[in-house]
Amino acid sequence: MTSFSRRDFLKKAVIGTAGITIVPNSVLGKSFGHTSPSDKLNIAGIGVGGVGSRNLANMETENIVALCDVDWGYAANMFNK
């Protein structure tokens, strides 16, 4: 029976982990239209009632995580959207 040292185990574990984490996008589904979470931006919109609403409309494909405006009535349409 061969001995399996701790050093051999760590080498194989690092190689296996690197092989799993360094994978091209085509393997993960990019060619099928899937976008990985790391390819999207998290966006917080400030002043979204006026010009900010048009800017956010151009970024609808990203993750919009927060919206802010001092006039809730003026920005209500964007908050609801």
Protein backbone atom coordinates (compact mmCIF):
# COMPACT_ATOMS: atom_id res chain seq x y z
CA MET A 1 0.00 0.00 0.00
CA THR A 2 1.38 3.41 -0.95
CA SER A 3 1.49 6.22 1.53
CA PHE A 4 -0.42 9.38 0.78
CA SER A 5 1.28 12.36 2.42
CA ARG A 6 -0.34 15.56 3.51
CA ARG A 7 1.72 17.43 0.91
CA ASP A 8 0.41 15.20 -1.91
CA PHE A 9 -3.14 15.74 -0.69
CA LEU A 10 -2.73 19.53 -0.66
CA LYS A 11 -1.22 19.56 -4.16
CA LYS A 12 -4.11 17.54 -5.58
CA ALA A 13 -6.68 19.59 -3.69
CA VAL A 14 -5.26 22.87 -5.03
CA ILE A 15 -5.16 21.56 -8.60
CA GLY A 16 -8.73 20.28 -8.32
CA THR A 17 -10.00 23.54 -6.84
CA ALA A 18 -8.24 25.61 -9.50
CA GLY A 19 -9.73 23.42 -12.20
CA ILE A 20 -13.23 24.00 -10.87
CA THR A 21 -12.93 27.75 -10.25
CA ILE A 22 -11.12 28.68 -13.46
CA VAL A 23 -13.74 27.60 -15.97
CA PRO A 24 -14.57 29.46 -19.19
CA ASN A 25 -17.96 31.17 -19.47
CA SER A 26 -19.01 28.89 -22.30
CA VAL A 27 -18.95 25.91 -19.94
CA LEU A 28 -21.14 27.73 -17.40
CA GLY A 29 -23.85 28.54 -19.94
CA LYS A 30 -22.87 31.88 -21.50
CA SER A 31 -23.46 30.39 -24.95
CA PHE A 32 -27.02 29.54 -23.82
CA GLY A 33 -27.80 33.11 -22.76
CA HIS A 34 -27.00 32.72 -19.04
CA THR A 35 -25.16 35.64 -17.44
CA SER A 36 -23.18 34.85 -14.34
CA PRO A 37 -23.77 37.05 -11.27
CA SER A 38 -20.23 38.38 -11.43
CA ASP A 39 -20.92 39.79 -14.91
CA LYS A 40 -23.65 42.12 -13.59
CA LEU A 41 -23.24 45.39 -11.70
CA ASN A 42 -25.08 46.26 -8.48
CA ILE A 43 -26.44 49.77 -8.99
CA ALA A 44 -27.88 52.27 -6.52
CA GLY A 45 -29.81 55.13 -8.13
CA ILE A 46 -29.90 58.55 -6.45
CA GLY A 47 -32.26 61.21 -7.74
CA VAL A 48 -34.30 58.81 -9.86
CA GLY A 49 -37.30 61.05 -10.44
CA GLY A 50 -35.89 63.20 -13.25
CA VAL A 51 -32.82 62.50 -15.38
CA GLY A 52 -31.92 59.57 -13.12
CA SER A 53 -34.96 57.65 -14.36
CA ARG A 54 -33.68 57.79 -17.94
CA ASN A 55 -30.23 56.71 -16.81
CA LEU A 56 -31.66 53.74 -14.89
CA ALA A 57 -33.81 52.77 -17.87
CA ASN A 58 -30.57 52.29 -19.81
CA MET A 59 -29.27 49.96 -17.08
CA GLU A 60 -32.30 47.65 -16.69
CA THR A 61 -30.20 44.56 -17.43
CA GLU A 62 -28.05 45.17 -14.32
CA ASN A 63 -28.98 44.53 -10.66
CA ILE A 64 -30.66 47.67 -9.35
CA VAL A 65 -30.37 47.25 -5.60
CA ALA A 66 -31.37 50.66 -4.20
CA LEU A 67 -33.29 53.76 -5.28
CA CYS A 68 -33.38 57.15 -3.59
CA ASP A 69 -35.05 60.51 -4.23
CA VAL A 70 -36.03 63.38 -1.94
CA ASP A 71 -39.45 63.77 -3.63
CA TRP A 72 -41.22 60.40 -3.37
CA GLY A 73 -44.19 61.66 -5.37
CA TYR A 74 -42.00 62.77 -8.28
CA ALA A 75 -40.06 59.48 -8.28
CA ALA A 76 -43.05 57.18 -7.57
CA ASN A 77 -43.18 55.98 -11.18
CA MET A 78 -39.57 54.77 -11.06
CA PHE A 79 -40.03 53.25 -7.58
CA ASN A 80 -43.01 51.24 -8.87
CA LYS A 81 -41.18 50.17 -12.02
